[in-house]
Amino acid sequence: MTTDSRKIRLIMDLRNAGVTDTRVLAAIEKIPREVFVEEAFLDQAYANQALPIHCGQTISQPFIVGLMTQALELTDRHKVLEVGTGSGYQASILSRLVRRVYTVERHRDLLTTAEKRFAALNLHNLTTLCGDGYKGWPAQAPFDRILVTAAARLVPPDLVAQLSDEGGIMVLPVGDAAGLHQEVIRVRKEGTQFKSERLFPVRFVPLVEGVPKDKGPERKQT
């Protein structure tokens, strides 16, 4: 089966499974997932499953990427913070849907590789930061939307504070570090008030506070 046919089958599977936002599906179709997959797993690039990457992280299952992106209710005017750059796949999809993406990753090696992928794909509306995702990116706040791609024990108050007061939305997995009891939560903020709703169960790597030793914050714009 060719890459194109695998991609078409994946898009059909996602649509049938509940990813119905046509803009999200188009972005997933346009971003080549094989660019973000480790060489040993290239034959599984368009399988609807999570795959391992360096630093003990994963590239998320396309179905979960689609559902979480859809849950953000994005427009092309939005300014978005992503916590957990990882391979760069999710950030690349966001970049096709919004005005600007700010993405934070605690592992410099992962971030450096993701930045090279952004450049190779000519994605120029992404700004990256090597830093503590729990703290978000205060200097660039407020954000219209925030997407967290690792599981927090609780909704991080620093991230809620960085949401726009005018209908800001954050989507994130919340639960235990073992991944046995996690679910995606959507937080909506209006003024100083916010409410949350449970969306669907997931299993993500844990959101870890701080950065690895000797790897302080560093920003780069692409």
N, C-alpha and C. Protein backbone atom coordinates (compact mmCIF):
# COMPACT_ATOMS: atom_id res chain seq x y z
N MET A 1 0.84 -1.19 0.00
CA MET A 1 0.00 0.00 0.00
C MET A 1 0.88 1.25 0.00
N THR A 2 0.57 2.23 -0.86
CA THR A 2 1.37 3.44 -0.95
C THR A 2 1.11 4.37 0.24
N THR A 3 2.02 5.35 0.41
CA THR A 3 1.85 6.33 1.48
C THR A 3 0.55 7.08 1.32
N ASP A 4 0.23 7.50 0.10
CA ASP A 4 -1.01 8.24 -0.14
C ASP A 4 -2.24 7.42 0.23
N SER A 5 -2.25 6.16 -0.13
CA SER A 5 -3.42 5.33 0.17
C SER A 5 -3.53 5.09 1.67
N ARG A 6 -2.38 4.95 2.36
CA ARG A 6 -2.42 4.80 3.82
C ARG A 6 -2.95 6.06 4.48
N LYS A 7 -2.54 7.20 3.96
CA LYS A 7 -3.01 8.46 4.52
C LYS A 7 -4.52 8.62 4.30
N ILE A 8 -5.00 8.30 3.12
CA ILE A 8 -6.43 8.39 2.81
C ILE A 8 -7.22 7.48 3.73
N ARG A 9 -6.72 6.27 3.94
CA ARG A 9 -7.43 5.33 4.82
C ARG A 9 -7.46 5.86 6.26
N LEU A 10 -6.34 6.47 6.70
CA LEU A 10 -6.31 7.03 8.05
C LEU A 10 -7.33 8.14 8.20
N ILE A 11 -7.41 9.04 7.23
CA ILE A 11 -8.36 10.15 7.29
C ILE A 11 -9.79 9.62 7.35
N MET A 12 -10.08 8.60 6.56
CA MET A 12 -11.42 8.00 6.58
C MET A 12 -11.71 7.39 7.95
N ASP A 13 -10.70 6.71 8.52
CA ASP A 13 -10.89 6.10 9.84
C ASP A 13 -11.14 7.16 10.90
N LEU A 14 -10.41 8.27 10.83
CA LEU A 14 -10.59 9.34 11.80
C LEU A 14 -11.98 9.96 11.69
N ARG A 15 -12.42 10.18 10.47
CA ARG A 15 -13.76 10.75 10.26
C ARG A 15 -14.83 9.82 10.82
N ASN A 16 -14.69 8.54 10.54
CA ASN A 16 -15.68 7.57 11.02
C ASN A 16 -15.68 7.44 12.54
N ALA A 17 -14.52 7.74 13.15
CA ALA A 17 -14.39 7.59 14.60
C ALA A 17 -14.80 8.84 15.37
N GLY A 18 -15.08 9.95 14.64
CA GLY A 18 -15.58 11.13 15.34
C GLY A 18 -14.81 12.42 15.14
N VAL A 19 -13.73 12.38 14.37
CA VAL A 19 -13.04 13.62 14.02
C VAL A 19 -13.73 14.18 12.79
N THR A 20 -14.65 15.12 13.00
CA THR A 20 -15.52 15.59 11.92
C THR A 20 -15.19 17.00 11.44
N ASP A 21 -14.32 17.72 12.14
CA ASP A 21 -13.95 19.08 11.74
C ASP A 21 -13.12 18.99 10.46
N THR A 22 -13.65 19.54 9.37
CA THR A 22 -12.98 19.39 8.07
C THR A 22 -11.63 20.09 8.03
N ARG A 23 -11.49 21.21 8.76
CA ARG A 23 -10.19 21.91 8.80
C ARG A 23 -9.14 21.05 9.51
N VAL A 24 -9.54 20.40 10.57
CA VAL A 24 -8.61 19.53 11.31
C VAL A 24 -8.20 18.35 10.43
N LEU A 25 -9.15 17.72 9.78
CA LEU A 25 -8.84 16.60 8.90
C LEU A 25 -7.92 17.02 7.76
N ALA A 26 -8.15 18.21 7.21
CA ALA A 26 -7.30 18.70 6.12
C ALA A 26 -5.87 18.94 6.60
N ALA A 27 -5.73 19.46 7.82
CA ALA A 27 -4.40 19.70 8.37
C ALA A 27 -3.66 18.39 8.60
N ILE A 28 -4.37 17.39 9.12
CA ILE A 28 -3.75 16.08 9.34
C ILE A 28 -3.34 15.47 8.01
N GLU A 29 -4.15 15.67 6.99
CA GLU A 29 -3.83 15.14 5.67
C GLU A 29 -2.60 15.82 5.06
N LYS A 30 -2.45 17.12 5.31
CA LYS A 30 -1.36 17.88 4.69
C LYS A 30 -0.01 17.70 5.39
N ILE A 31 -0.03 17.41 6.70
CA ILE A 31 1.22 17.27 7.43
C ILE A 31 1.71 15.82 7.30
N PRO A 32 2.91 15.61 6.75
CA PRO A 32 3.42 14.25 6.54
C PRO A 32 3.90 13.62 7.85
N ARG A 33 3.13 12.72 8.40
CA ARG A 33 3.48 12.13 9.71
C ARG A 33 4.80 11.38 9.67
N GLU A 34 5.17 10.85 8.49
CA GLU A 34 6.40 10.09 8.40
C GLU A 34 7.63 10.94 8.73
N VAL A 35 7.52 12.26 8.57
CA VAL A 35 8.63 13.15 8.90
C VAL A 35 8.92 13.15 10.40
N PHE A 36 7.93 12.85 11.21
CA PHE A 36 8.03 12.96 12.66
C PHE A 36 8.23 11.61 13.36
N VAL A 37 8.24 10.54 12.60
CA VAL A 37 8.34 9.19 13.14
C VAL A 37 9.79 8.72 13.07
N GLU A 38 10.25 8.01 14.10
CA GLU A 38 11.60 7.47 14.07
C GLU A 38 11.73 6.44 12.95
N GLU A 39 12.93 6.31 12.41
CA GLU A 39 13.16 5.48 11.23
C GLU A 39 12.67 4.04 11.41
N ALA A 40 12.85 3.52 12.61
CA ALA A 40 12.46 2.13 12.86
C ALA A 40 10.95 1.90 12.74
N PHE A 41 10.18 2.99 12.78
CA PHE A 41 8.72 2.88 12.76
C PHE A 41 8.09 3.51 11.52
N LEU A 42 8.89 3.75 10.50
CA LEU A 42 8.36 4.42 9.32
C LEU A 42 7.22 3.65 8.68
N ASP A 43 7.27 2.34 8.73
CA ASP A 43 6.20 1.55 8.11
C ASP A 43 4.88 1.69 8.87
N GLN A 44 4.93 2.28 10.07
CA GLN A 44 3.72 2.48 10.87
C GLN A 44 3.32 3.95 10.95
N ALA A 45 3.89 4.77 10.09
CA ALA A 45 3.66 6.22 10.17
C ALA A 45 2.18 6.57 10.08
N TYR A 46 1.40 5.83 9.30
CA TYR A 46 -0.02 6.13 9.14
C TYR A 46 -0.92 5.10 9.80
N ALA A 47 -0.33 4.34 10.73
CA ALA A 47 -1.16 3.48 11.58
C ALA A 47 -1.78 4.37 12.65
N ASN A 48 -2.99 4.07 13.03
CA ASN A 48 -3.68 4.89 14.03
C ASN A 48 -3.27 4.45 15.43
N GLN A 49 -2.00 4.73 15.76
CA GLN A 49 -1.46 4.34 17.05
C GLN A 49 -0.34 5.27 17.46
N ALA A 50 -0.10 5.36 18.77
CA ALA A 50 1.03 6.13 19.28
C ALA A 50 2.32 5.36 19.01
N LEU A 51 3.42 6.11 18.83
CA LEU A 51 4.71 5.49 18.56
C LEU A 51 5.78 6.14 19.44
N PRO A 52 6.79 5.36 19.85
CA PRO A 52 7.83 5.93 20.71
C PRO A 52 8.77 6.86 19.95
N ILE A 53 9.24 7.90 20.66
CA ILE A 53 10.29 8.78 20.15
C ILE A 53 11.36 8.87 21.25
N HIS A 54 12.35 9.71 21.05
CA HIS A 54 13.43 9.81 22.02
C HIS A 54 12.96 10.38 23.36
N CYS A 55 13.82 10.26 24.37
CA CYS A 55 13.61 10.83 25.71
C CYS A 55 12.40 10.23 26.41
N GLY A 56 12.03 9.00 26.03
CA GLY A 56 10.93 8.32 26.69
C GLY A 56 9.56 8.90 26.37
N GLN A 57 9.46 9.68 25.30
CA GLN A 57 8.20 10.31 24.91
C GLN A 57 7.55 9.55 23.77
N THR A 58 6.39 10.03 23.32
CA THR A 58 5.69 9.39 22.21
C THR A 58 5.15 10.43 21.24
N ILE A 59 4.91 9.99 20.01
CA ILE A 59 4.11 10.76 19.07
C ILE A 59 2.70 10.20 19.18
N SER A 60 1.75 11.05 19.47
CA SER A 60 0.41 10.59 19.83
C SER A 60 -0.32 9.90 18.68
N GLN A 61 -1.26 9.06 19.05
CA GLN A 61 -2.16 8.41 18.10
C GLN A 61 -2.89 9.48 17.29
N PRO A 62 -2.94 9.37 15.96
CA PRO A 62 -3.62 10.38 15.14
C PRO A 62 -5.06 10.66 15.57
N PHE A 63 -5.78 9.63 16.01
CA PHE A 63 -7.16 9.83 16.47
C PHE A 63 -7.20 10.79 17.66
N ILE A 64 -6.28 10.63 18.61
CA ILE A 64 -6.24 11.51 19.78
C ILE A 64 -5.81 12.91 19.37
N VAL A 65 -4.85 13.01 18.46
CA VAL A 65 -4.44 14.32 17.94
C VAL A 65 -5.65 15.03 17.32
N GLY A 66 -6.41 14.29 16.52
CA GLY A 66 -7.58 14.88 15.88
C GLY A 66 -8.64 15.32 16.87
N LEU A 67 -8.94 14.47 17.84
CA LEU A 67 -9.98 14.81 18.82
C LEU A 67 -9.58 16.00 19.68
N MET A 68 -8.32 16.03 20.15
CA MET A 68 -7.89 17.13 21.01
C MET A 68 -7.80 18.44 20.23
N THR A 69 -7.34 18.37 18.99
CA THR A 69 -7.29 19.58 18.16
C THR A 69 -8.69 20.10 17.90
N GLN A 70 -9.60 19.20 17.57
CA GLN A 70 -11.00 19.56 17.33
C GLN A 70 -11.64 20.20 18.56
N ALA A 71 -11.30 19.68 19.73
CA ALA A 71 -11.88 20.18 20.99
C ALA A 71 -11.46 21.62 21.30
N LEU A 72 -10.39 22.08 20.68
CA LEU A 72 -9.93 23.46 20.91
C LEU A 72 -10.82 24.50 20.21
N GLU A 73 -11.62 24.07 19.24
CA GLU A 73 -12.51 24.99 18.51
C GLU A 73 -11.72 26.16 17.92
N LEU A 74 -10.77 25.82 17.06
CA LEU A 74 -9.80 26.79 16.54
C LEU A 74 -10.33 27.62 15.38
N THR A 75 -9.81 28.85 15.28
CA THR A 75 -9.99 29.68 14.09
C THR A 75 -8.61 30.14 13.63
N ASP A 76 -8.57 30.70 12.43
CA ASP A 76 -7.28 31.13 11.89
C ASP A 76 -6.75 32.41 12.53
N ARG A 77 -7.47 32.97 13.49
CA ARG A 77 -7.00 34.17 14.18
C ARG A 77 -6.42 33.86 15.56
N HIS A 78 -6.45 32.63 15.96
CA HIS A 78 -6.06 32.28 17.32
C HIS A 78 -4.54 32.25 17.53
N LYS A 79 -4.17 32.60 18.73
CA LYS A 79 -2.81 32.49 19.24
C LYS A 79 -2.81 31.34 20.24
N VAL A 80 -1.98 30.31 19.98
CA VAL A 80 -2.07 29.05 20.72
C VAL A 80 -0.76 28.72 21.41
N LEU A 81 -0.86 28.25 22.64
CA LEU A 81 0.28 27.70 23.37
C LEU A 81 0.15 26.18 23.39
N GLU A 82 1.21 25.50 22.98
CA GLU A 82 1.28 24.05 23.12
C GLU A 82 2.32 23.72 24.18
N VAL A 83 1.97 22.90 25.13
CA VAL A 83 2.89 22.44 26.16
C VAL A 83 3.28 21.00 25.85
N GLY A 84 4.54 20.80 25.49
CA GLY A 84 5.02 19.47 25.14
C GLY A 84 5.19 19.32 23.64
N THR A 85 6.27 19.90 23.09
CA THR A 85 6.50 19.87 21.64
C THR A 85 6.71 18.45 21.14
N GLY A 86 7.49 17.67 21.87
CA GLY A 86 7.76 16.30 21.47
C GLY A 86 8.38 16.22 20.08
N SER A 87 7.78 15.43 19.22
CA SER A 87 8.29 15.28 17.85
C SER A 87 8.04 16.51 17.00
N GLY A 88 7.07 17.34 17.40
CA GLY A 88 6.68 18.50 16.61
C GLY A 88 5.45 18.26 15.75
N TYR A 89 4.91 17.04 15.78
CA TYR A 89 3.77 16.71 14.92
C TYR A 89 2.53 17.51 15.25
N GLN A 90 2.15 17.53 16.52
CA GLN A 90 0.96 18.27 16.92
C GLN A 90 1.10 19.76 16.64
N ALA A 91 2.26 20.33 16.94
CA ALA A 91 2.49 21.75 16.68
C ALA A 91 2.37 22.07 15.20
N SER A 92 2.84 21.16 14.35
CA SER A 92 2.77 21.38 12.91
C SER A 92 1.33 21.40 12.42
N ILE A 93 0.50 20.53 12.97
CA ILE A 93 -0.92 20.53 12.62
C ILE A 93 -1.57 21.83 13.09
N LEU A 94 -1.27 22.25 14.31
CA LEU A 94 -1.81 23.51 14.81
C LEU A 94 -1.41 24.68 13.92
N SER A 95 -0.19 24.64 13.42
CA SER A 95 0.31 25.76 12.60
C SER A 95 -0.48 25.96 11.33
N ARG A 96 -1.15 24.91 10.84
CA ARG A 96 -1.97 25.01 9.64
C ARG A 96 -3.36 25.56 9.93
N LEU A 97 -3.68 25.72 11.22
CA LEU A 97 -5.05 26.06 11.60
C LEU A 97 -5.19 27.42 12.26
N VAL A 98 -4.07 27.99 12.77
CA VAL A 98 -4.15 29.20 13.60
C VAL A 98 -3.13 30.24 13.14
N ARG A 99 -3.24 31.41 13.75
CA ARG A 99 -2.34 32.51 13.38
C ARG A 99 -0.92 32.27 13.88
N ARG A 100 -0.79 31.86 15.14
CA ARG A 100 0.54 31.71 15.73
C ARG A 100 0.54 30.60 16.76
N VAL A 101 1.61 29.80 16.77
CA VAL A 101 1.77 28.72 17.74
C VAL A 101 3.05 28.97 18.55
N TYR A 102 2.91 28.92 19.86
CA TYR A 102 4.05 28.97 20.78
C TYR A 102 4.12 27.59 21.43
N THR A 103 5.27 26.93 21.31
CA THR A 103 5.36 25.56 21.81
C THR A 103 6.55 25.40 22.74
N VAL A 104 6.32 24.76 23.89
CA VAL A 104 7.32 24.61 24.95
C VAL A 104 7.68 23.14 25.12
N GLU A 105 8.97 22.85 25.20
CA GLU A 105 9.46 21.48 25.40
C GLU A 105 10.61 21.50 26.41
N ARG A 106 10.60 20.58 27.36
CA ARG A 106 11.64 20.55 28.40
C ARG A 106 12.91 19.84 27.95
N HIS A 107 12.84 18.99 26.91
CA HIS A 107 14.00 18.27 26.40
C HIS A 107 14.58 19.01 25.19
N ARG A 108 15.77 19.56 25.38
CA ARG A 108 16.36 20.35 24.29
C ARG A 108 16.60 19.52 23.03
N ASP A 109 17.01 18.27 23.19
CA ASP A 109 17.27 17.43 22.02
C ASP A 109 16.01 17.25 21.18
N LEU A 110 14.89 17.00 21.84
CA LEU A 110 13.63 16.87 21.11
C LEU A 110 13.27 18.17 20.41
N LEU A 111 13.46 19.28 21.10
CA LEU A 111 13.09 20.57 20.54
C LEU A 111 13.94 20.91 19.32
N THR A 112 15.24 20.63 19.40
CA THR A 112 16.14 20.91 18.28
C THR A 112 15.72 20.13 17.04
N THR A 113 15.38 18.85 17.24
CA THR A 113 14.93 18.03 16.11
C THR A 113 13.61 18.55 15.55
N ALA A 114 12.68 18.93 16.43
CA ALA A 114 11.39 19.47 15.97
C ALA A 114 11.59 20.75 15.17
N GLU A 115 12.49 21.61 15.62
CA GLU A 115 12.76 22.87 14.92
C GLU A 115 13.26 22.61 13.50
N LYS A 116 14.09 21.60 13.33
CA LYS A 116 14.57 21.24 11.99
C LYS A 116 13.42 20.77 11.11
N ARG A 117 12.51 20.04 11.71
CA ARG A 117 11.35 19.57 10.94
C ARG A 117 10.45 20.73 10.54
N PHE A 118 10.24 21.67 11.44
CA PHE A 118 9.43 22.86 11.10
C PHE A 118 10.05 23.60 9.92
N ALA A 119 11.37 23.77 9.96
CA ALA A 119 12.06 24.49 8.89
C ALA A 119 11.95 23.73 7.56
N ALA A 120 12.10 22.41 7.61
CA ALA A 120 12.03 21.61 6.39
C ALA A 120 10.64 21.67 5.75
N LEU A 121 9.62 21.84 6.58
CA LEU A 121 8.24 21.91 6.08
C LEU A 121 7.78 23.34 5.81
N ASN A 122 8.70 24.30 5.98
CA ASN A 122 8.39 25.72 5.74
C ASN A 122 7.23 26.21 6.60
N LEU A 123 7.25 25.81 7.86
CA LEU A 123 6.24 26.27 8.81
C LEU A 123 6.83 27.44 9.58
N HIS A 124 6.36 28.64 9.30
CA HIS A 124 7.01 29.85 9.82
C HIS A 124 6.21 30.58 10.89
N ASN A 125 5.12 30.01 11.35
CA ASN A 125 4.33 30.69 12.38
C ASN A 125 4.44 29.97 13.73
N LEU A 126 5.61 29.35 13.96
CA LEU A 126 5.88 28.65 15.21
C LEU A 126 7.05 29.31 15.94
N THR A 127 6.88 29.48 17.25
CA THR A 127 7.96 29.96 18.11
C THR A 127 8.16 28.94 19.21
N THR A 128 9.42 28.56 19.45
CA THR A 128 9.71 27.47 20.38
C THR A 128 10.44 27.96 21.62
N LEU A 129 10.30 27.19 22.69
CA LEU A 129 10.97 27.50 23.95
C LEU A 129 11.34 26.20 24.64
N CYS A 130 12.61 26.08 25.07
CA CYS A 130 13.02 24.99 25.92
C CYS A 130 12.81 25.44 27.36
N GLY A 131 11.85 24.87 28.04
CA GLY A 131 11.53 25.33 29.38
C GLY A 131 10.53 24.43 30.07
N ASP A 132 10.04 24.88 31.20
CA ASP A 132 9.12 24.14 32.06
C ASP A 132 7.69 24.36 31.60
N GLY A 133 7.08 23.31 31.04
CA GLY A 133 5.73 23.44 30.52
C GLY A 133 4.70 23.78 31.58
N TYR A 134 4.93 23.35 32.82
CA TYR A 134 4.00 23.67 33.90
C TYR A 134 3.85 25.18 34.07
N LYS A 135 4.90 25.92 33.73
CA LYS A 135 4.88 27.37 33.90
C LYS A 135 4.36 28.08 32.65
N GLY A 136 4.17 27.33 31.57
CA GLY A 136 3.66 27.94 30.35
C GLY A 136 4.67 28.90 29.74
N TRP A 137 4.15 30.04 29.26
CA TRP A 137 4.99 31.05 28.62
C TRP A 137 4.43 32.42 28.98
N PRO A 138 4.64 32.85 30.22
CA PRO A 138 4.01 34.08 30.72
C PRO A 138 4.28 35.31 29.86
N ALA A 139 5.48 35.39 29.30
CA ALA A 139 5.85 36.57 28.52
C ALA A 139 5.00 36.73 27.27
N GLN A 140 4.40 35.64 26.79
CA GLN A 140 3.59 35.69 25.57
C GLN A 140 2.09 35.63 25.86
N ALA A 141 1.72 35.48 27.11
CA ALA A 141 0.30 35.40 27.47
C ALA A 141 -0.37 36.77 27.27
N PRO A 142 -1.70 36.79 27.07
CA PRO A 142 -2.62 35.64 27.13
C PRO A 142 -2.70 34.89 25.80
N PHE A 143 -3.15 33.66 25.90
CA PHE A 143 -3.35 32.81 24.73
C PHE A 143 -4.84 32.53 24.55
N ASP A 144 -5.27 32.51 23.28
CA ASP A 144 -6.66 32.17 22.99
C ASP A 144 -6.94 30.69 23.31
N ARG A 145 -5.93 29.86 23.06
CA ARG A 145 -6.06 28.44 23.28
C ARG A 145 -4.76 27.88 23.85
N ILE A 146 -4.88 26.85 24.70
CA ILE A 146 -3.73 26.14 25.22
C ILE A 146 -4.00 24.64 25.07
N LEU A 147 -3.00 23.94 24.52
CA LEU A 147 -3.09 22.48 24.38
C LEU A 147 -1.91 21.86 25.13
N VAL A 148 -2.20 20.94 26.02
CA VAL A 148 -1.17 20.24 26.78
C VAL A 148 -1.13 18.80 26.30
N THR A 149 0.07 18.32 25.94
CA THR A 149 0.18 16.99 25.34
C THR A 149 0.86 15.99 26.26
N ALA A 150 0.77 16.22 27.57
CA ALA A 150 1.21 15.26 28.57
C ALA A 150 0.25 15.39 29.75
N ALA A 151 0.14 14.32 30.53
CA ALA A 151 -0.90 14.28 31.56
C ALA A 151 -0.46 14.97 32.85
N ALA A 152 -1.21 15.99 33.25
CA ALA A 152 -0.97 16.68 34.52
C ALA A 152 -1.74 15.97 35.63
N ARG A 153 -1.24 16.06 36.84
CA ARG A 153 -1.97 15.49 37.98
C ARG A 153 -3.25 16.28 38.24
N LEU A 154 -3.12 17.60 38.13
CA LEU A 154 -4.24 18.53 38.26
C LEU A 154 -4.10 19.59 37.20
N VAL A 155 -5.17 20.33 36.92
CA VAL A 155 -5.08 21.42 35.95
C VAL A 155 -4.11 22.47 36.50
N PRO A 156 -3.01 22.77 35.80
CA PRO A 156 -2.00 23.72 36.31
C PRO A 156 -2.56 25.14 36.39
N PRO A 157 -2.59 25.74 37.57
CA PRO A 157 -3.14 27.10 37.70
C PRO A 157 -2.39 28.14 36.89
N ASP A 158 -1.07 27.96 36.71
CA ASP A 158 -0.30 28.92 35.91
C ASP A 158 -0.79 28.95 34.46
N LEU A 159 -1.21 27.80 33.95
CA LEU A 159 -1.71 27.75 32.57
C LEU A 159 -3.10 28.37 32.46
N VAL A 160 -3.95 28.11 33.45
CA VAL A 160 -5.27 28.74 33.45
C VAL A 160 -5.11 30.26 33.47
N ALA A 161 -4.15 30.77 34.24
CA ALA A 161 -3.93 32.21 34.34
C ALA A 161 -3.49 32.81 33.01
N GLN A 162 -2.88 31.98 32.15
CA GLN A 162 -2.39 32.48 30.86
C GLN A 162 -3.42 32.38 29.74
N LEU A 163 -4.60 31.84 30.05
CA LEU A 163 -5.68 31.81 29.07
C LEU A 163 -6.32 33.18 28.94
N SER A 164 -6.76 33.50 27.74
CA SER A 164 -7.52 34.72 27.53
C SER A 164 -8.78 34.73 28.38
N ASP A 165 -9.11 35.89 28.96
CA ASP A 165 -10.32 36.02 29.77
C ASP A 165 -11.59 36.02 28.91
N GLU A 166 -11.41 36.18 27.60
CA GLU A 166 -12.55 36.28 26.70
C GLU A 166 -12.74 34.98 25.92
N GLY A 167 -13.22 33.96 26.61
CA GLY A 167 -13.52 32.70 25.94
C GLY A 167 -12.32 31.83 25.67
N GLY A 168 -11.26 31.96 26.47
CA GLY A 168 -10.10 31.10 26.30
C GLY A 168 -10.44 29.64 26.57
N ILE A 169 -9.80 28.73 25.83
CA ILE A 169 -10.04 27.30 26.00
C ILE A 169 -8.71 26.58 26.15
N MET A 170 -8.64 25.70 27.13
CA MET A 170 -7.49 24.81 27.29
C MET A 170 -7.96 23.37 27.25
N VAL A 171 -7.23 22.53 26.52
CA VAL A 171 -7.52 21.11 26.43
C VAL A 171 -6.29 20.36 26.93
N LEU A 172 -6.48 19.45 27.87
CA LEU A 172 -5.34 18.73 28.44
C LEU A 172 -5.78 17.41 29.06
N PRO A 173 -4.87 16.42 29.07
CA PRO A 173 -5.14 15.19 29.81
C PRO A 173 -4.81 15.39 31.28
N VAL A 174 -5.64 14.85 32.15
CA VAL A 174 -5.44 14.94 33.60
C VAL A 174 -5.60 13.56 34.19
N GLY A 175 -4.68 13.21 35.11
CA GLY A 175 -4.79 11.92 35.77
C GLY A 175 -3.47 11.46 36.34
N ASP A 176 -3.42 10.17 36.69
CA ASP A 176 -2.23 9.64 37.34
C ASP A 176 -1.10 9.42 36.35
N ALA A 177 0.13 9.43 36.86
CA ALA A 177 1.32 9.31 36.01
C ALA A 177 1.41 7.95 35.33
N ALA A 178 0.82 6.92 35.92
CA ALA A 178 0.89 5.58 35.35
C ALA A 178 0.00 5.43 34.12
N GLY A 179 -0.91 6.37 33.91
CA GLY A 179 -1.78 6.33 32.75
C GLY A 179 -2.98 5.43 32.89
N LEU A 180 -3.24 4.96 34.11
CA LEU A 180 -4.37 4.05 34.32
C LEU A 180 -5.70 4.78 34.42
N HIS A 181 -5.65 6.03 34.90
CA HIS A 181 -6.87 6.80 35.08
C HIS A 181 -6.62 8.24 34.59
N GLN A 182 -6.70 8.41 33.31
CA GLN A 182 -6.51 9.73 32.70
C GLN A 182 -7.70 10.04 31.79
N GLU A 183 -8.03 11.32 31.71
CA GLU A 183 -9.06 11.75 30.77
C GLU A 183 -8.74 13.16 30.28
N VAL A 184 -9.19 13.44 29.08
CA VAL A 184 -9.00 14.77 28.52
C VAL A 184 -10.07 15.70 29.08
N ILE A 185 -9.62 16.85 29.55
CA ILE A 185 -10.49 17.88 30.13
C ILE A 185 -10.46 19.11 29.23
N ARG A 186 -11.61 19.75 29.05
CA ARG A 186 -11.65 21.05 28.35
C ARG A 186 -12.05 22.12 29.37
N VAL A 187 -11.20 23.13 29.48
CA VAL A 187 -11.42 24.24 30.40
C VAL A 187 -11.81 25.47 29.58
N ARG A 188 -12.94 26.08 29.94
CA ARG A 188 -13.38 27.32 29.30
C ARG A 188 -13.29 28.46 30.32
N LYS A 189 -12.75 29.58 29.89
CA LYS A 189 -12.53 30.70 30.81
C LYS A 189 -13.28 31.94 30.33
N GLU A 190 -14.00 32.56 31.24
CA GLU A 190 -14.70 33.82 30.99
C GLU A 190 -14.41 34.75 32.17
N GLY A 191 -13.63 35.78 31.92
CA GLY A 191 -13.24 36.67 33.00
C GLY A 191 -12.41 35.93 34.02
N THR A 192 -12.81 36.01 35.29
CA THR A 192 -12.09 35.30 36.34
C THR A 192 -12.70 33.93 36.62
N GLN A 193 -13.74 33.59 35.89
CA GLN A 193 -14.43 32.32 36.09
C GLN A 193 -14.01 31.31 35.02
N PHE A 194 -13.94 30.05 35.42
CA PHE A 194 -13.71 29.01 34.42
C PHE A 194 -14.46 27.74 34.82
N LYS A 195 -14.81 26.97 33.82
CA LYS A 195 -15.48 25.70 34.07
C LYS A 195 -14.82 24.63 33.22
N SER A 196 -14.90 23.39 33.67
CA SER A 196 -14.26 22.30 32.96
C SER A 196 -15.26 21.21 32.65
N GLU A 197 -14.98 20.47 31.60
CA GLU A 197 -15.82 19.34 31.22
C GLU A 197 -14.93 18.17 30.82
N ARG A 198 -15.38 16.98 31.14
CA ARG A 198 -14.65 15.77 30.78
C ARG A 198 -15.02 15.35 29.37
N LEU A 199 -14.01 14.95 28.58
CA LEU A 199 -14.27 14.62 27.19
C LEU A 199 -14.13 13.13 26.89
N PHE A 200 -12.94 12.55 27.12
CA PHE A 200 -12.75 11.13 26.79
C PHE A 200 -11.50 10.60 27.49
N PRO A 201 -11.43 9.30 27.73
CA PRO A 201 -10.27 8.71 28.40
C PRO A 201 -9.07 8.62 27.46
N VAL A 202 -7.87 8.73 28.02
CA VAL A 202 -6.63 8.67 27.23
C VAL A 202 -5.54 8.02 28.08
N ARG A 203 -4.38 7.89 27.47
CA ARG A 203 -3.19 7.44 28.21
C ARG A 203 -1.99 8.19 27.64
N PHE A 204 -1.49 9.15 28.42
CA PHE A 204 -0.36 9.98 28.01
C PHE A 204 0.81 9.80 28.97
N VAL A 205 2.00 10.16 28.49
CA VAL A 205 3.15 10.25 29.39
C VAL A 205 2.89 11.41 30.36
N PRO A 206 3.47 11.40 31.56
CA PRO A 206 3.18 12.44 32.55
C PRO A 206 3.81 13.79 32.18
N LEU A 207 3.13 14.85 32.57
CA LEU A 207 3.68 16.20 32.47
C LEU A 207 4.62 16.40 33.65
N VAL A 208 5.89 16.63 33.36
CA VAL A 208 6.92 16.72 34.40
C VAL A 208 7.30 18.18 34.63
N GLU A 209 7.35 18.58 35.88
CA GLU A 209 7.75 19.94 36.21
C GLU A 209 9.26 20.12 36.08
N GLY A 210 9.68 21.36 35.77
CA GLY A 210 11.09 21.68 35.67
C GLY A 210 11.67 21.26 34.33
N VAL A 211 13.00 21.45 34.20
CA VAL A 211 13.72 21.04 32.99
C VAL A 211 14.90 20.17 33.43
N PRO A 212 15.39 19.28 32.55
CA PRO A 212 16.56 18.48 32.91
C PRO A 212 17.73 19.38 33.30
N LYS A 213 18.59 18.90 34.18
CA LYS A 213 19.71 19.70 34.67
C LYS A 213 20.59 20.18 33.52
N ASP A 214 21.10 21.42 33.69
CA ASP A 214 22.00 22.06 32.71
C ASP A 214 21.32 22.33 31.38
N LYS A 215 19.99 22.41 31.39
CA LYS A 215 19.28 22.71 30.15
C LYS A 215 18.27 23.83 30.47
N GLY A 216 18.77 25.03 30.57
CA GLY A 216 17.91 26.17 30.90
C GLY A 216 17.07 26.63 29.74
N PRO A 217 16.16 27.57 29.97
CA PRO A 217 15.27 28.06 28.92
C PRO A 217 16.01 28.67 27.74
N GLU A 218 15.49 28.43 26.57
CA GLU A 218 16.04 29.02 25.37
C GLU A 218 14.93 29.14 24.34
N ARG A 219 14.82 30.29 23.72
CA ARG A 219 13.73 30.54 22.79
C ARG A 219 14.26 30.60 21.35
N LYS A 220 13.44 30.15 20.43
CA LYS A 220 13.79 30.25 19.00
C LYS A 220 12.52 30.44 18.21
N GLN A 221 12.56 31.32 17.21
CA GLN A 221 11.41 31.56 16.34
C GLN A 221 11.70 31.00 14.97
N THR A 222 10.68 30.33 14.38
CA THR A 222 10.82 29.80 13.04
C THR A 222 9.81 30.44 12.11
